Protein backbone atom coordinates (compact mmCIF):
# COMPACT_ATOMS: atom_id res chain seq x y z
CA MET A 1 28.30 -2.86 -29.93
CA ARG A 2 30.53 -0.21 -29.59
CA LYS A 3 34.16 -0.99 -28.73
CA PHE A 4 36.28 0.44 -25.59
CA ARG A 5 39.97 0.31 -24.79
CA ASP A 6 40.69 -1.17 -21.68
CA ARG A 7 42.56 1.10 -19.92
CA THR A 8 44.06 -1.14 -16.81
CA GLN A 9 46.10 -3.65 -19.02
CA GLN A 10 49.50 -2.74 -18.96
CA SER A 11 50.54 -4.59 -21.93
CA SER A 12 51.91 -2.58 -25.68
CA ALA A 13 48.70 -3.96 -27.12
CA PRO A 14 45.26 -2.52 -26.12
CA SER A 15 42.75 -5.08 -25.55
CA VAL A 16 38.77 -4.52 -26.71
CA LEU A 17 36.10 -4.51 -24.35
CA LEU A 18 32.75 -4.90 -26.20
CA ILE A 19 29.87 -3.16 -24.41
CA PRO A 20 26.27 -4.61 -25.46
CA ARG A 21 23.86 -1.96 -27.27
CA CYS A 22 21.47 -1.92 -25.58
CA MET A 23 23.75 0.12 -22.62
CA SER A 24 23.97 2.99 -25.26
CA LEU A 25 19.87 3.15 -25.31
CA PRO A 26 17.98 5.56 -23.09
CA LYS A 27 17.25 4.10 -19.72
CA GLY A 28 14.00 2.19 -19.66
CA TYR A 29 12.65 -0.75 -22.20
CA HIS A 30 10.67 1.04 -25.41
CA HIS A 31 7.56 -1.14 -26.35
CA SER A 32 6.61 -1.16 -30.07
CA GLU A 33 3.58 0.54 -30.68
CA LYS A 34 1.66 -2.87 -31.30
CA THR A 35 2.32 -3.16 -28.07
CA LYS A 36 1.25 0.03 -26.61
CA ARG A 37 -1.66 -0.28 -27.99
CA LYS A 38 -2.71 -3.51 -26.64
CA ILE A 39 -1.44 -2.24 -22.89
CA GLY A 40 -3.87 0.93 -23.60
CA ALA A 41 -6.43 -1.68 -24.60
CA ALA A 42 -6.34 -2.95 -21.35
CA ASN A 43 -6.05 -0.04 -19.16
CA ALA A 44 -9.04 1.29 -20.41
CA ILE A 45 -11.27 -1.87 -19.65
CA ARG A 46 -9.54 -1.67 -16.25
CA ARG A 47 -10.37 2.11 -15.69
CA LEU A 48 -13.62 1.71 -17.19
CA GLY A 49 -15.00 -1.10 -15.91
CA THR A 50 -16.92 -3.75 -17.52
CA HIS A 51 -20.02 -2.26 -19.83
CA HIS A 52 -23.48 -3.07 -19.66
CA THR A 53 -26.04 -3.97 -22.35
CA GLU A 54 -28.36 -1.48 -23.99
CA GLN A 55 -30.99 -4.03 -22.12
CA THR A 56 -29.17 -3.66 -19.51
CA LYS A 57 -29.02 -0.22 -18.95
CA ALA A 58 -32.50 0.68 -20.48
CA LYS A 59 -33.46 -1.50 -16.74
CA LEU A 60 -31.68 0.49 -14.53
CA SER A 61 -32.57 3.69 -15.85
CA ALA A 62 -36.25 2.51 -15.54
CA ALA A 63 -35.94 1.50 -12.39
CA ALA A 64 -34.32 5.15 -11.29
CA LYS A 65 -36.73 7.10 -13.07
CA ALA A 66 -39.38 5.12 -10.94
CA HIS A 67 -37.46 6.54 -7.80
CA GLY A 68 -37.54 10.12 -8.88
CA PHE A 69 -34.44 10.71 -10.50
CA GLY A 70 -33.58 11.83 -13.32
CA GLY A 71 -31.54 8.76 -15.30
CA LEU A 72 -29.56 6.55 -14.32
CA ASN A 73 -26.73 8.95 -13.72
CA GLU A 74 -28.63 11.21 -11.51
CA TYR A 75 -28.96 8.06 -9.42
CA HIS A 76 -25.45 7.12 -9.15
CA GLY A 77 -23.68 8.70 -6.03
CA SER A 78 -26.77 10.04 -4.57
CA ALA A 79 -27.79 9.96 -0.74
CA GLN A 80 -30.49 6.93 -1.56
CA HIS A 81 -28.31 5.29 -3.66
CA ARG A 82 -25.76 4.91 -0.87
CA LEU A 83 -28.79 3.71 1.23
CA VAL A 84 -29.19 0.81 -1.02
CA ALA A 85 -26.22 -0.24 -1.68
CA ARG A 86 -25.49 -0.60 2.27
CA LYS A 87 -28.86 -2.35 3.01
CA ASN A 88 -27.41 -4.67 0.21
CA TRP A 89 -24.76 -5.64 2.44
CA LEU A 90 -26.46 -6.02 5.23
CA GLY A 91 -27.26 -9.06 7.31
CA LYS A 92 -27.26 -12.40 5.34
CA ARG A 93 -26.79 -10.73 1.79
CA ASN A 94 -23.37 -10.25 3.09
CA PRO A 95 -20.97 -12.69 1.68
CA ARG A 96 -18.72 -12.58 4.97
CA TRP A 97 -22.61 -13.47 6.87
CA ARG A 98 -21.19 -15.57 9.96
CA GLY A 99 -24.84 -16.43 11.54
CA GLY A 100 -25.25 -13.07 13.08
CA VAL A 101 -21.73 -13.82 15.18
CA SER A 102 -19.07 -11.39 15.44
CA ARG A 103 -15.83 -11.43 14.15
CA ALA A 104 -14.43 -11.25 17.92
CA GLU A 105 -17.18 -13.43 19.21
CA THR A 106 -16.45 -16.33 16.84
CA ARG A 107 -12.50 -16.07 17.79
CA ARG A 108 -13.40 -16.63 21.73
CA ASN A 109 -15.39 -18.83 21.12
CA TRP A 110 -12.97 -20.87 18.51
CA ILE A 111 -10.05 -20.47 21.62
CA ASN A 112 -12.73 -21.99 23.90
CA ARG A 113 -13.33 -25.18 22.31
CA ASN A 114 -9.58 -25.28 21.46
CA ARG A 115 -7.35 -24.62 24.40
CA ASP A 116 -5.54 -27.97 24.28
CA ARG A 117 -5.02 -27.52 20.82
CA LEU A 118 -3.66 -23.75 21.69
CA ARG A 119 -1.49 -24.48 24.63
CA PHE A 120 0.15 -27.85 23.05
CA TYR A 121 1.09 -25.14 20.31
CA TYR A 122 2.69 -22.90 22.40
CA LYS A 123 4.48 -25.82 24.46
CA LEU A 124 5.97 -26.94 20.77
CA ARG A 125 6.78 -23.17 20.15
CA LYS A 126 8.71 -23.14 23.32
CA ALA A 127 10.49 -26.46 22.85
CA ARG A 128 11.56 -25.02 19.29
CA VAL A 129 12.64 -21.99 20.80
CA LYS A 130 14.92 -23.61 23.62
CA GLY A 131 16.69 -25.34 20.65
CA ALA A 132 14.98 -28.85 20.17
CA LYS A 133 16.04 -31.31 17.15
CA GLY A 134 12.36 -32.69 16.27
CA THR A 135 8.50 -32.38 16.44
CA HIS A 136 5.12 -34.12 16.69
CA THR A 137 1.79 -33.17 15.79
CA TYR A 138 -1.15 -32.91 18.07
CA ASP A 139 -2.55 -36.20 16.80
CA GLU A 140 0.28 -38.09 17.93
CA TRP A 141 0.15 -36.38 21.18
CA GLU A 142 -3.93 -37.26 21.41
CA ALA A 143 -3.02 -41.00 20.28
CA LEU A 144 -0.28 -41.10 23.18
CA LYS A 145 -2.20 -40.19 25.71
CA LYS A 146 -5.38 -42.64 24.75
CA LYS A 147 -2.58 -45.28 24.62
CA TYR A 148 -2.47 -45.21 28.09
CA ARG A 149 -6.27 -44.22 28.76
CA ASN A 150 -5.48 -40.62 29.68
CA ARG A 151 -3.81 -41.59 32.62
CA CYS A 152 -0.59 -39.92 34.40
CA LEU A 153 2.37 -42.73 34.40
CA CYS A 154 3.48 -41.16 37.49
CA CYS A 155 0.40 -40.78 40.29
CA ARG A 156 -1.88 -42.97 37.92
CA LYS A 157 -4.57 -40.40 38.23
CA ARG A 158 -6.69 -40.06 34.95
CA GLU A 159 -8.02 -37.06 32.91
CA PRO A 160 -10.15 -35.20 34.44
CA ALA A 161 -9.67 -35.09 37.56
CA ILE A 162 -6.11 -34.03 36.46
CA ARG A 163 -4.19 -32.49 33.66
CA LEU A 164 -1.67 -34.69 31.47
CA THR A 165 0.87 -32.66 30.17
CA GLU A 166 3.61 -33.07 28.19
CA ASP A 167 7.22 -34.93 29.80
CA HIS A 168 10.07 -35.05 27.70
CA ILE A 169 11.69 -38.50 29.40
CA LYS A 170 15.05 -36.90 28.23
CA PRO A 171 14.72 -33.30 29.20
CA ILE A 172 15.24 -30.71 26.24
CA SER A 173 18.23 -28.94 28.56
CA LYS A 174 20.75 -32.08 28.92
CA GLY A 175 19.84 -33.01 24.67
CA GLY A 176 16.73 -34.49 24.56
CA SER A 177 14.20 -34.07 21.29
CA ASN A 178 10.97 -33.31 20.97
CA PHE A 179 9.97 -36.15 19.17
CA ILE A 180 7.54 -38.19 20.37
CA GLN A 181 9.28 -40.89 21.42
CA ASN A 182 10.93 -38.85 24.03
CA ILE A 183 7.25 -37.97 25.25
CA GLN A 184 5.55 -39.35 27.99
CA PRO A 185 1.90 -38.53 29.45
CA LEU A 186 2.34 -36.60 33.01
CA CYS A 187 0.02 -34.67 35.59
CA LEU A 188 1.29 -31.32 36.21
CA PRO A 189 2.16 -31.76 40.11
CA CYS A 190 4.44 -35.42 38.74
CA ASN A 191 6.04 -33.41 35.72
CA MET A 192 7.53 -30.78 38.48
CA ARG A 193 8.77 -33.06 40.30
CA LYS A 194 10.67 -34.61 37.74
CA ALA A 195 11.82 -31.61 37.17
CA THR A 196 15.24 -32.15 35.04
CA ARG A 197 15.36 -35.69 35.72
CA THR A 198 15.72 -38.62 33.52
CA ILE A 199 12.72 -41.17 34.12
CA ASP A 200 11.24 -43.11 32.31
CA TYR A 201 7.75 -43.86 33.47
CA ARG A 202 6.56 -45.57 30.78
CA PRO A 203 5.32 -49.60 31.22
CA SER A 204 8.20 -50.94 29.36
CA ALA A 205 10.75 -49.23 30.58
CA LEU A 206 10.02 -50.13 34.13
CA GLN A 207 9.50 -53.69 33.25
CA SER A 208 13.10 -53.83 31.71
């Protein structure tokens, strides 16, 4: 440890600051020679890649000569090598093979099959942006609809004649939560007529 005097103190007896010796070393960390050799060996493997056995090298060289090349080194990087490598990645040989359907088409098909789920997630995010407390899952919403037999609790119409939407019994604008206990299924026209009023159309609430 090196010793320095602290000139910030006003006392007559100067204090001593202890500075770690590592601060006096040049910037950076210095590896030992043994560690340097280990790092060098690991980098060499990463740089050169995996090595084929002599038997595999002989097979590859024979295959290259059968195609009219002088050896394996001459074959690598040639136009024919690039063509063969490209063919090996076409169709079902490609690990990303999806049955001949493009990625964009796969995405469109998924969206068409899950429009209700996407609509639910959009509403969930909209409620979160408004600052509503709590949340609920898509399965809870489906179970709630099934509980009331996919029926609008206001006009009593059923799906698929109408499309059920989530209505907050106590609106979010008035401090209502986004828990499933504050949700009731209403069709879109009934939901819009209810607006920001607090009306509970559930049978248990009407009986009480």
